[in-house]
Every structure is written in C-alpha cells, then in structure tokens.
Amino acid sequence: MDYSKHHFNIKGKDAEGFVHELALKTFLTDWCYLNPALPDGKELCDLLVVFDNVAIIWQIKDLRLDANGRYKRAEVERNLRQLAGARRQLFDLETPIDLENPRRTKEKFDPSAINQVYLISVLLGEGEDYFPLVDTFKTYTAHVFTRAFTEAVLTELDTIADFTGYLRAKEALVQSDKQIIILGGEEELLAFYLLNNRSFARFDAATSVMIDSGLWLNLQKDPQYQAKNTEDKISYGWDYIINRVHEGAPGYEPVARELARPNRFQRRFLSKSFFDANVKANNDRIPNAFRRVILFEGVTYCFLFCDEKESSGTRKTMLYATCYVARGKYLDNTLVLGIATEKHIAPVCSYDFCLLKMPTWTSENQSTMEEIQRNTGILINPTITRVEEKEYPD
C-alpha cells in the first residue's frame, strides 16, 4: 500500500475541489465539513475544520486579475466578509449549526469547546505580484493563501498539529508590528519557519524583516529535507489506521481524535514502532499474543498482535487488559491508547481499539491490575528499549 503524502491528484480540480481534497488528506475525513449550512439552508462557509478545541474556517474564491495586475478589492472583501460572518454566526450569535460529513452522524457545533479559531481566505487563480500575509475585516484577521501556497502548506504541514503550529507562529509574527518583506510567495516564510526549528524566534529583536526568494527551492533540494520526506513515508500508515477507527463502535471519534493528535514526526515514530512490532509478531512462531508498549509524551500506546483464531471479543478483552496494566505500570501517563490486530501480515486485516482516560490510580485499581498480571502475565518482566529518532536524518 502506498502511504505517500503525494498519492493523490489535485490537478484539474475547481477551486473548492482543489482545497477540499488537500484538506481531507491533511485533517482527515472525520474533522472536515464541506459547505456546512445555516438553519435557513444558506452556506455558512466553503469548508469548516473542527478538531478538538480548534476551528478553522475557510472561504475560497477563484479570482482574475484586473488590468493593473490586481484582484478587485470588492471580490477580496467578499471572501473576508463571508469569513467574518461565519465566525460571528458560530461564536457571537451561537447559531445552531448541524455538522455532518460522510463518516460522522449529524451533531450540533459546540462553540464552548473551541478556544482556537483561524480564518483562511484562499484566493486562487492568477497570483498577484504583491500579496498580504493576512487581511482584516472589521475586527477579524484572516490568513490569505494563494493557490501555490495552499498546495505547499497543506502538503508540507499535513497534520492538524503541524498546520495550526505554523498559523499561531505566523499570527504572533504579524501582530508584533514588524515590517515584513517577502521576495516571493509565502512559501519562503514557511521555508524559514521549517529551517529554524519551526519558529520565528530569530526575528524577536528585529524591527523589520526581509526574506529573500530561493529559500523554498533550496529547502526542496536539501539532502536532509529529502531524507526526512523519505523517512516520513511510513508515517502515513498511522493516518491509514486513524481512518480505520470508524469501523469499530459508533462512539469511535474520541479514539480517532487521540490517534490524530500527534504531528507528522511523532506519527513517523509511532508508525515505525507499530509496524516493526507487527513484523516481529509475524515472525513469532510461538502461538501466543505479541505486545509492545510505547511511552510517548504523556500517552502510553499499547500494540497487541493476536493469532487469527482469537475471536473479536477475546481480542478486545486482551487489549483492554493490556491497557489497564500499562496504566498502572507507568503511572506518569494517565492516557492509554490501544491498537490490536492480527499477528500475521496479510493484505486484509482488522483492528480493535481501546482508550483509557484515568486521571487517578487508586489502591483498588492497583489490586485489579495485580490480579490481571497474576492471571495473564502481562508486563511482568518487560524488555525495555530506548529509541531515538531524528526528524531530519544526517
């Protein structure tokens, strides 16, 4: 299976289709709502992305340049007006909005759950020679994306964590009142951000900033960057697993959301760990379960590989027991995520998932864990290995 981030075709798409397809690859189906509507049936916006405490409102226009090589200001402001109107409907008026996509059941948008809001005005068509990084309408600020930058940023920062990290850093830079001059498209600013540990901190003491053209092109040619993209290919296997969670119980979304929370580099590490364990399980000729537990930034991940003869119910019970013991074994991590599948690698496989959120661990929990260990032997004498991964390999 090809998990490459470039394994799709956006050429020939119309304006909305172009952005929608990129967004579905970046934010995944569960959290993308295409053309959501107001109660009266009018369109709220072209695209709404809602993930956990984040809402990203998109408005997309395919514009033509006038005789002076500029977009008509009225057309540009129409996009901004629609973005501002959508934000007002969602958060000021709290208009009841039904959200629905091909995977999720219809549910009401909950503005109280959101504390990060981003507005994005996508202006497609021929690009202007001069363009703003952001634009304003009344009190609202919107990021302005060209076609080239939309494709670049949604391909490069193709997780919710990576994408919103850039938007936050860019907003802080723009709001610092520095004079910013970019010779080229916003891709040059993105390249600087990536080349400087995903930060604009180097500009902190500056009163004006000028970024020359060529950074983005040089980044694409950089051997370490190319090696990073090669190493990242396996991370799209994690995206594939996220897209399989819905096959389980109806209330699957919290599990999928936790699996989707890591950024691309973190997904690479997790995906490598999972598939390495799967290979070892596949080669294990002893007829028992194969387990791997990963301690990772406040979350314990439990991978379980079972013989095909195990029923789905038995496998789910084994996965829950593994997650429960892992919660007690590694007390610093209060969140445990479990993934179970078959030991033997095959073209078709099935998955089970488990999510444990246990902020406290009581003496009763400890007694239950010890009983499970006595009965099953889970994690009594685990082999511990430390693994390091570089985002940009040498």
Protein backbone atom coordinates (compact mmCIF):
# COMPACT_ATOMS: atom_id res chain seq x y z
CA MET A 1 0.00 0.00 0.00
CA ASP A 2 1.33 3.44 -0.89
CA TYR A 3 1.12 5.72 2.15
CA SER A 4 2.93 8.62 0.41
CA LYS A 5 1.53 12.08 1.09
CA HIS A 6 1.64 12.79 -2.66
CA HIS A 7 -0.50 9.78 -3.54
CA PHE A 8 -3.42 11.79 -4.90
CA ASN A 9 -4.19 14.03 -7.85
CA ILE A 10 -5.37 17.63 -7.46
CA LYS A 11 -4.68 18.79 -11.00
CA GLY A 12 -7.73 19.96 -12.86
CA LYS A 13 -9.81 20.45 -9.73
CA ASP A 14 -12.04 23.50 -9.42
CA ALA A 15 -11.30 26.00 -6.65
CA GLU A 16 -13.29 24.33 -3.87
CA GLY A 17 -12.46 20.81 -5.01
CA PHE A 18 -8.76 21.68 -5.00
CA VAL A 19 -8.85 22.83 -1.37
CA HIS A 20 -11.30 20.17 -0.22
CA GLU A 21 -9.12 17.32 -1.46
CA LEU A 22 -5.99 18.75 0.12
CA ALA A 23 -7.84 19.39 3.40
CA LEU A 24 -9.20 15.84 3.57
CA LYS A 25 -5.66 14.47 3.28
CA THR A 26 -4.34 16.86 5.94
CA PHE A 27 -7.15 16.99 8.50
CA LEU A 28 -8.82 13.66 7.59
CA THR A 29 -12.48 12.96 6.85
CA ASP A 30 -13.73 12.92 10.43
CA TRP A 31 -12.95 16.57 11.08
CA CYS A 32 -13.71 18.20 7.70
CA TYR A 33 -17.14 19.61 6.95
CA LEU A 34 -17.60 20.69 3.35
CA ASN A 35 -20.05 23.56 2.74
CA PRO A 36 -21.81 23.50 6.13
CA ALA A 37 -25.17 25.28 6.13
CA LEU A 38 -27.06 27.71 8.35
CA PRO A 39 -30.52 26.72 9.64
CA ASP A 40 -32.12 28.55 6.67
CA GLY A 41 -30.10 26.46 4.21
CA LYS A 42 -27.64 29.20 3.23
CA GLU A 43 -23.99 28.20 3.12
CA LEU A 44 -22.00 29.10 6.24
CA CYS A 45 -18.58 28.77 4.59
CA ASP A 46 -16.80 26.68 1.98
CA LEU A 47 -15.03 24.45 4.50
CA LEU A 48 -15.06 24.11 8.26
CA VAL A 49 -12.43 22.05 10.07
CA VAL A 50 -13.27 21.22 13.69
CA PHE A 51 -10.78 19.20 15.71
CA ASP A 52 -10.95 19.12 19.49
CA ASN A 53 -10.61 22.78 20.59
CA VAL A 54 -9.70 24.11 17.12
CA ALA A 55 -11.95 25.55 14.41
CA ILE A 56 -10.60 26.60 11.01
CA ILE A 57 -13.00 28.50 8.75
CA TRP A 58 -12.18 28.56 5.03
CA GLN A 59 -13.58 30.68 2.22
CA ILE A 60 -12.34 30.01 -1.32
CA LYS A 61 -12.50 32.22 -4.41
CA ASP A 62 -11.12 31.74 -7.92
CA LEU A 63 -10.30 35.33 -8.95
CA ARG A 64 -8.98 37.03 -12.07
CA LEU A 65 -6.51 39.89 -12.15
CA ASP A 66 -7.65 43.28 -13.43
CA ALA A 67 -5.78 45.45 -15.96
CA ASN A 68 -3.38 46.55 -13.20
CA GLY A 69 -2.48 43.00 -12.25
CA ARG A 70 -4.51 43.16 -9.03
CA TYR A 71 -7.56 41.43 -7.66
CA LYS A 72 -10.65 43.60 -7.39
CA ARG A 73 -10.86 44.72 -3.78
CA ALA A 74 -14.60 44.12 -3.72
CA GLU A 75 -14.03 40.43 -4.58
CA VAL A 76 -11.33 40.08 -1.94
CA GLU A 77 -13.54 41.73 0.68
CA ARG A 78 -16.42 39.42 -0.20
CA ASN A 79 -14.29 36.49 0.98
CA LEU A 80 -13.38 38.34 4.17
CA ARG A 81 -16.99 39.35 4.79
CA GLN A 82 -18.11 35.74 4.47
CA LEU A 83 -15.39 34.57 6.84
CA ALA A 84 -16.28 37.23 9.39
CA GLY A 85 -19.96 36.37 9.02
CA ALA A 86 -19.29 32.68 9.58
CA ARG A 87 -17.24 33.39 12.68
CA ARG A 88 -19.96 35.66 14.04
CA GLN A 89 -22.65 33.04 13.41
CA LEU A 90 -20.63 30.35 15.14
CA PHE A 91 -19.25 32.22 18.15
CA ASP A 92 -21.08 35.52 18.70
CA LEU A 93 -24.63 34.57 17.79
CA GLU A 94 -24.07 30.88 18.57
CA THR A 95 -26.43 29.97 15.75
CA PRO A 96 -27.27 26.25 15.95
CA ILE A 97 -25.27 24.64 13.16
CA ASP A 98 -25.61 20.97 12.22
CA LEU A 99 -22.28 19.40 11.29
CA GLU A 100 -22.25 16.28 9.16
CA ASN A 101 -19.77 14.51 6.90
CA PRO A 102 -19.70 11.11 5.17
CA ARG A 103 -18.43 9.40 8.31
CA ARG A 104 -19.87 11.23 11.31
CA THR A 105 -23.50 11.33 12.34
CA LYS A 106 -25.20 14.72 12.45
CA GLU A 107 -24.24 16.71 15.54
CA LYS A 108 -24.53 20.29 16.78
CA PHE A 109 -21.49 22.54 16.65
CA ASP A 110 -20.43 23.38 20.21
CA PRO A 111 -18.75 26.82 20.36
CA SER A 112 -17.92 26.41 24.04
CA ALA A 113 -15.48 23.62 23.18
CA ILE A 114 -13.39 25.89 20.91
CA ASN A 115 -10.58 28.16 22.08
CA GLN A 116 -8.57 28.44 18.86
CA VAL A 117 -10.21 29.97 15.77
CA TYR A 118 -8.47 30.61 12.45
CA LEU A 119 -9.91 32.29 9.34
CA ILE A 120 -8.38 31.46 5.96
CA SER A 121 -9.15 33.32 2.73
CA VAL A 122 -7.95 31.24 -0.22
CA LEU A 123 -7.55 33.32 -3.39
CA LEU A 124 -6.96 31.03 -6.34
CA GLY A 125 -6.36 31.86 -9.97
CA GLU A 126 -3.53 34.03 -11.22
CA GLY A 127 -1.42 35.32 -8.36
CA GLU A 128 -0.75 38.97 -7.60
CA ASP A 129 2.81 40.29 -7.61
CA TYR A 130 2.20 41.73 -4.15
CA PHE A 131 0.12 39.89 -1.61
CA PRO A 132 -0.70 40.31 2.10
CA LEU A 133 0.15 37.60 4.62
CA VAL A 134 -3.07 38.46 6.44
CA ASP A 135 -6.03 40.70 5.76
CA THR A 136 -8.60 42.23 8.09
CA PHE A 137 -12.32 42.84 8.03
CA LYS A 138 -13.77 44.78 10.96
CA THR A 139 -12.09 43.20 13.97
CA TYR A 140 -11.27 39.87 12.36
CA THR A 141 -7.93 38.80 10.92
CA ALA A 142 -7.72 36.21 8.14
CA HIS A 143 -4.75 34.37 6.70
CA VAL A 144 -4.52 34.89 2.93
CA PHE A 145 -3.41 31.86 0.89
CA THR A 146 -2.58 31.74 -2.81
CA ARG A 147 -3.08 28.58 -4.84
CA ALA A 148 0.64 27.76 -4.76
CA PHE A 149 0.90 28.31 -1.02
CA THR A 150 -2.28 26.36 -0.28
CA GLU A 151 -0.82 23.33 -2.00
CA ALA A 152 2.59 23.84 -0.37
CA VAL A 153 1.39 24.31 3.20
CA LEU A 154 -1.25 21.56 3.17
CA THR A 155 1.27 19.14 1.71
CA GLU A 156 4.14 20.14 4.00
CA LEU A 157 2.20 20.63 7.26
CA ASP A 158 -0.30 17.84 6.79
CA THR A 159 -1.48 17.24 10.34
CA ILE A 160 -3.66 19.46 12.49
CA ALA A 161 -0.79 19.94 14.97
CA ASP A 162 1.74 20.96 12.32
CA PHE A 163 -0.67 23.24 10.47
CA THR A 164 -2.01 25.14 13.48
CA GLY A 165 1.51 25.45 14.90
CA TYR A 166 2.50 27.43 11.82
CA LEU A 167 -0.64 29.60 11.93
CA ARG A 168 0.00 30.51 15.58
CA ALA A 169 3.63 31.40 14.92
CA LYS A 170 2.69 33.44 11.84
CA GLU A 171 -0.03 35.37 13.69
CA ALA A 172 2.40 36.19 16.51
CA LEU A 173 4.94 37.45 13.95
CA VAL A 174 2.40 39.61 12.10
CA GLN A 175 0.97 41.03 15.34
CA SER A 176 4.44 42.05 16.52
CA ASP A 177 4.20 45.14 14.25
CA LYS A 178 7.46 44.35 12.47
CA GLN A 179 7.81 45.44 8.86
CA ILE A 180 7.83 42.20 6.89
CA ILE A 181 9.02 42.00 3.28
CA ILE A 182 9.00 38.69 1.42
CA LEU A 183 10.58 38.44 -2.02
CA GLY A 184 8.50 35.63 -3.40
CA GLY A 185 5.45 33.78 -2.11
CA GLU A 186 4.60 32.80 1.45
CA GLU A 187 6.41 29.53 0.74
CA GLU A 188 9.61 31.49 1.53
CA LEU A 189 8.28 32.33 5.01
CA LEU A 190 7.26 28.71 5.52
CA ALA A 191 10.75 27.56 4.49
CA PHE A 192 12.33 29.93 7.05
CA TYR A 193 9.97 28.56 9.71
CA LEU A 194 10.94 24.96 8.91
CA LEU A 195 14.65 25.73 8.71
CA ASN A 196 14.58 27.42 12.13
CA ASN A 197 13.08 24.68 14.24
CA ARG A 198 9.51 25.68 13.37
CA SER A 199 9.91 29.11 14.89
CA PHE A 200 10.31 32.79 14.06
CA ALA A 201 12.26 33.44 17.28
CA ARG A 202 15.25 34.69 15.28
CA PHE A 203 13.16 37.77 14.44
CA ASP A 204 12.39 38.66 18.08
CA ALA A 205 14.86 41.53 18.32
CA ALA A 206 14.27 42.84 14.79
CA THR A 207 12.10 45.81 13.87
CA SER A 208 11.93 44.85 10.20
CA VAL A 209 12.26 41.51 8.40
CA MET A 210 13.15 40.74 4.80
CA ILE A 211 13.09 37.20 3.45
CA ASP A 212 14.74 36.71 0.08
CA SER A 213 13.43 34.39 -2.61
CA GLY A 214 15.02 30.97 -3.04
CA LEU A 215 14.61 29.57 0.48
CA TRP A 216 11.74 27.29 -0.50
CA LEU A 217 13.51 25.98 -3.60
CA ASN A 218 16.74 25.40 -1.66
CA LEU A 219 14.80 23.56 1.04
CA GLN A 220 13.35 21.17 -1.55
CA LYS A 221 16.88 20.38 -2.74
CA ASP A 222 18.38 19.93 0.71
CA PRO A 223 19.55 16.30 1.27
CA GLN A 224 18.36 16.25 4.89
CA TYR A 225 14.93 17.55 3.87
CA GLN A 226 14.71 14.89 1.16
CA ALA A 227 15.79 12.24 3.67
CA LYS A 228 13.07 13.49 6.05
CA ASN A 229 10.42 13.06 3.35
CA THR A 230 11.66 9.55 2.67
CA GLU A 231 11.54 8.68 6.38
CA ASP A 232 8.07 10.23 6.68
CA LYS A 233 6.51 7.84 4.17
CA ILE A 234 5.89 5.20 6.81
CA SER A 235 4.03 7.77 8.95
CA TYR A 236 1.10 7.69 6.53
CA GLY A 237 0.44 4.18 7.79
CA TRP A 238 -0.64 5.87 11.03
CA ASP A 239 -3.09 8.01 9.02
CA TYR A 240 -4.40 4.78 7.48
CA ILE A 241 -5.03 3.33 10.95
CA ILE A 242 -6.83 6.53 12.03
CA ASN A 243 -9.08 6.17 9.01
CA ARG A 244 -9.97 2.63 10.12
CA VAL A 245 -11.16 3.52 13.63
CA HIS A 246 -14.70 4.27 12.44
CA GLU A 247 -15.17 0.58 11.62
CA GLY A 248 -15.49 -0.08 15.36
CA ALA A 249 -18.10 1.17 17.83
CA PRO A 250 -20.34 4.16 16.97
CA GLY A 251 -18.62 6.30 19.61
CA TYR A 252 -15.26 5.91 17.93
CA GLU A 253 -14.39 9.60 17.42
CA PRO A 254 -12.57 10.22 20.76
CA VAL A 255 -10.24 7.31 19.95
CA ALA A 256 -9.61 8.58 16.41
CA ARG A 257 -9.01 12.10 17.74
CA GLU A 258 -6.34 10.95 20.19
CA LEU A 259 -4.65 8.93 17.45
CA ALA A 260 -4.72 12.02 15.18
CA ARG A 261 -3.31 14.39 17.78
CA PRO A 262 0.43 13.66 17.09
CA ASN A 263 2.23 15.69 14.45
CA ARG A 264 3.89 14.17 11.37
CA PHE A 265 7.24 13.47 13.03
CA GLN A 266 5.53 11.84 16.00
CA ARG A 267 3.38 9.76 13.67
CA ARG A 268 6.54 8.58 11.94
CA PHE A 269 7.95 7.32 15.23
CA LEU A 270 4.68 5.67 16.25
CA SER A 271 4.16 4.11 12.84
CA LYS A 272 7.69 2.71 12.78
CA SER A 273 7.17 1.24 16.25
CA PHE A 274 3.86 -0.33 15.28
CA PHE A 275 4.99 -1.86 12.00
CA ASP A 276 8.28 -3.06 13.48
CA ALA A 277 6.28 -4.84 16.19
CA ASN A 278 3.93 -6.24 13.53
CA VAL A 279 6.89 -7.72 11.64
CA LYS A 280 8.27 -9.30 14.82
CA ALA A 281 4.82 -10.67 15.66
CA ASN A 282 4.50 -12.05 12.13
CA ASN A 283 7.81 -13.90 12.54
CA ASP A 284 6.99 -15.15 16.03
CA ARG A 285 6.12 -18.86 15.77
CA ILE A 286 5.04 -19.19 19.40
CA PRO A 287 1.21 -19.37 19.48
CA ASN A 288 0.57 -16.52 21.88
CA ALA A 289 -0.09 -12.78 21.82
CA PHE A 290 2.70 -10.35 20.98
CA ARG A 291 2.71 -6.99 22.78
CA ARG A 292 4.60 -3.74 22.54
CA VAL A 293 4.14 -0.74 24.83
CA ILE A 294 5.38 2.74 23.87
CA LEU A 295 5.78 5.58 26.37
CA PHE A 296 5.40 8.78 24.42
CA GLU A 297 4.87 12.36 25.63
CA GLY A 298 2.22 11.75 28.26
CA VAL A 299 0.50 8.89 26.44
CA THR A 300 1.09 5.15 26.71
CA TYR A 301 0.47 3.28 23.45
CA CYS A 302 -0.25 -0.44 23.63
CA PHE A 303 0.07 -2.57 20.48
CA LEU A 304 -1.35 -6.09 20.60
CA PHE A 305 -0.99 -8.76 17.90
CA CYS A 306 -3.09 -11.91 18.26
CA ASP A 307 -3.43 -15.20 16.44
CA GLU A 308 -6.23 -15.19 13.88
CA LYS A 309 -8.10 -17.87 15.84
CA GLU A 310 -8.87 -15.39 18.62
CA SER A 311 -12.42 -14.09 18.46
CA SER A 312 -13.01 -10.35 18.26
CA GLY A 313 -14.47 -10.35 21.77
CA THR A 314 -11.46 -12.17 23.21
CA ARG A 315 -9.04 -9.84 21.46
CA LYS A 316 -10.86 -6.77 22.76
CA THR A 317 -10.71 -8.18 26.29
CA MET A 318 -6.98 -8.86 25.93
CA LEU A 319 -6.41 -5.33 24.59
CA TYR A 320 -8.31 -3.76 27.50
CA ALA A 321 -6.34 -5.85 29.99
CA THR A 322 -3.06 -4.78 28.38
CA CYS A 323 -4.06 -1.10 28.50
CA TYR A 324 -5.23 -1.40 32.11
CA VAL A 325 -1.98 -2.97 33.26
CA ALA A 326 0.04 -0.39 31.28
CA ARG A 327 -1.85 2.43 33.02
CA GLY A 328 -0.80 1.07 36.42
CA LYS A 329 2.68 0.12 35.32
CA TYR A 330 3.56 3.59 34.01
CA LEU A 331 1.81 5.94 36.40
CA ASP A 332 3.04 9.22 34.87
CA ASN A 333 0.86 8.69 31.80
CA THR A 334 -2.86 8.97 32.59
CA LEU A 335 -3.95 8.34 28.97
CA VAL A 336 -3.59 4.90 27.37
CA LEU A 337 -4.33 4.10 23.72
CA GLY A 338 -4.50 0.53 22.47
CA ILE A 339 -4.45 -0.94 18.96
CA ALA A 340 -4.94 -4.65 18.28
CA THR A 341 -4.68 -6.57 15.01
CA GLU A 342 -3.68 -9.99 13.68
CA LYS A 343 -0.13 -11.30 14.20
CA HIS A 344 0.37 -12.36 10.62
CA ILE A 345 0.71 -9.65 8.00
CA ALA A 346 -1.86 -10.02 5.21
CA PRO A 347 -3.43 -7.79 2.53
CA VAL A 348 -6.58 -7.50 4.67
CA CYS A 349 -6.56 -7.07 8.43
CA SER A 350 -8.93 -5.94 11.18
CA TYR A 351 -8.36 -3.59 14.10
CA ASP A 352 -9.68 -3.15 17.60
CA PHE A 353 -9.07 0.00 19.65
CA CYS A 354 -9.12 0.95 23.31
CA LEU A 355 -8.93 4.34 25.02
CA LEU A 356 -8.40 4.67 28.77
CA LYS A 357 -8.53 8.07 30.44
CA MET A 358 -7.78 7.52 34.13
CA PRO A 359 -6.57 10.72 35.84
CA THR A 360 -6.18 8.93 39.18
CA TRP A 361 -4.91 5.48 40.10
CA THR A 362 -6.32 4.07 43.34
CA SER A 363 -5.29 1.17 45.55
CA GLU A 364 -8.31 -0.69 44.20
CA ASN A 365 -7.05 -0.13 40.63
CA GLN A 366 -3.64 -1.44 41.74
CA SER A 367 -5.18 -4.60 43.19
CA THR A 368 -7.14 -5.22 39.99
CA MET A 369 -4.00 -4.73 37.90
CA GLU A 370 -2.00 -7.18 40.01
CA GLU A 371 -4.76 -9.77 39.70
CA ILE A 372 -4.76 -9.37 35.90
CA GLN A 373 -1.00 -9.82 35.90
CA ARG A 374 -1.21 -12.97 38.02
CA ASN A 375 -3.76 -14.44 35.63
CA THR A 376 -2.17 -13.35 32.35
CA GLY A 377 1.49 -12.46 32.94
CA ILE A 378 1.02 -9.13 31.11
CA LEU A 379 4.05 -6.80 31.52
CA ILE A 380 5.52 -8.66 34.48
CA ASN A 381 9.08 -8.57 33.15
CA PRO A 382 9.03 -6.33 30.06
CA THR A 383 12.13 -5.82 27.95
CA ILE A 384 12.90 -2.09 27.91
CA THR A 385 14.48 -0.42 24.88
CA ARG A 386 15.16 3.29 24.32
CA VAL A 387 14.82 4.58 20.76
CA GLU A 388 15.84 7.95 19.33
CA GLU A 389 14.57 9.40 16.07
CA LYS A 390 15.77 12.50 14.23
CA GLU A 391 13.24 14.47 12.19
CA TYR A 392 15.96 15.42 9.72
CA PRO A 393 18.31 12.41 9.40
CA ASP A 394 22.02 13.00 8.94
